[in-house]
């Protein structure tokens, strides 16, 4: 089943890659590559690193109800996890992050994973907030607005489910325990234990100030990420595009990254980057060049830093590979 999912992901990536490369003129792409202003790569890399720093710092607030966690541990686990996302299939980097922080700080892996699920929900809400701002300042076609509405519904439903689980946590635990009592003893205990740990990870929703700071740093994170996209514009001689354009493009790229595909989201990243740029009338050949260079920077940073921390923490690549395949 696992191999089947991997091949499905690769197939999805190949389909998007086909549409991204369709009607591309290689000569024009090579010409654009030759005219790139590489000096702007440095601010792109700086703001890319900053997004991971902010992400790790924000992660602290998800654990405040459990114990204080060192920033170094959070940053290390974050970089190793995102490295895994870029090298391994099925986006198992999220499980790897939970495994690494759980192992280093002696925290339940299920509870750690619950914080990552919550983190993604907050990412979605903050990105939707920025999307509303983008819609105010730029007259997008109805098709684009509909995509935003669909994702808004998905995030609100997911958030509603998590909040409901937290509000009625005791009742949910009793129902889970009741259902697990009909399962084989070891399996039932394992599922019940993981569920209880997961629900305990939702405790952060009880503290209003923690929620406020999580939302605040979520906005900062997306602004830093948008700045990494914004500084790529002059790199490819697209200086006429604004920060608002960069925000919209970031939203399109994020939608592409949400689609299950090959490791590092090859294909989906290129297609949705080019699709976003096409809204602003950018030539497809320039769009492909832009997508390739941006993707390389987004790949190199977490892989190199993640590999450094993998060696520093004396964790083998095989260990994180197997941890991603285990239940948290």
Foldseek 3Di string as FASTA:
>chain_A
DVVVLQVVQAVVLVVLQCVLCPPADVVVLVVLVVVFDCVLLVLLLVLLVVLLLLLLVLLQLLCVVPDGDDSVQSSLLSLLLVLCLQVDAPSLSLLSSLVSSCVVVVADSLLSSLSVVVLVLLLLVLLLVLVVVLVVVDPFDPVLVVVSVVSVVVSVVVVVVLVVCQVPVVVVLVVLLVVLVPPPPVVSVVVSVSSNSSSVSSCSVVDPVSVVVSNVSSNVSLLSNLVSLLSLCVSSPNPVDDSSLSSQLVVQQVVLVVDRHHRLSNSSQLSSQLVSVVSVVDDSSSSNSSSVVSSVSSNVSSNVSNVVSCVVVVPDPVNSVVSSVDDD
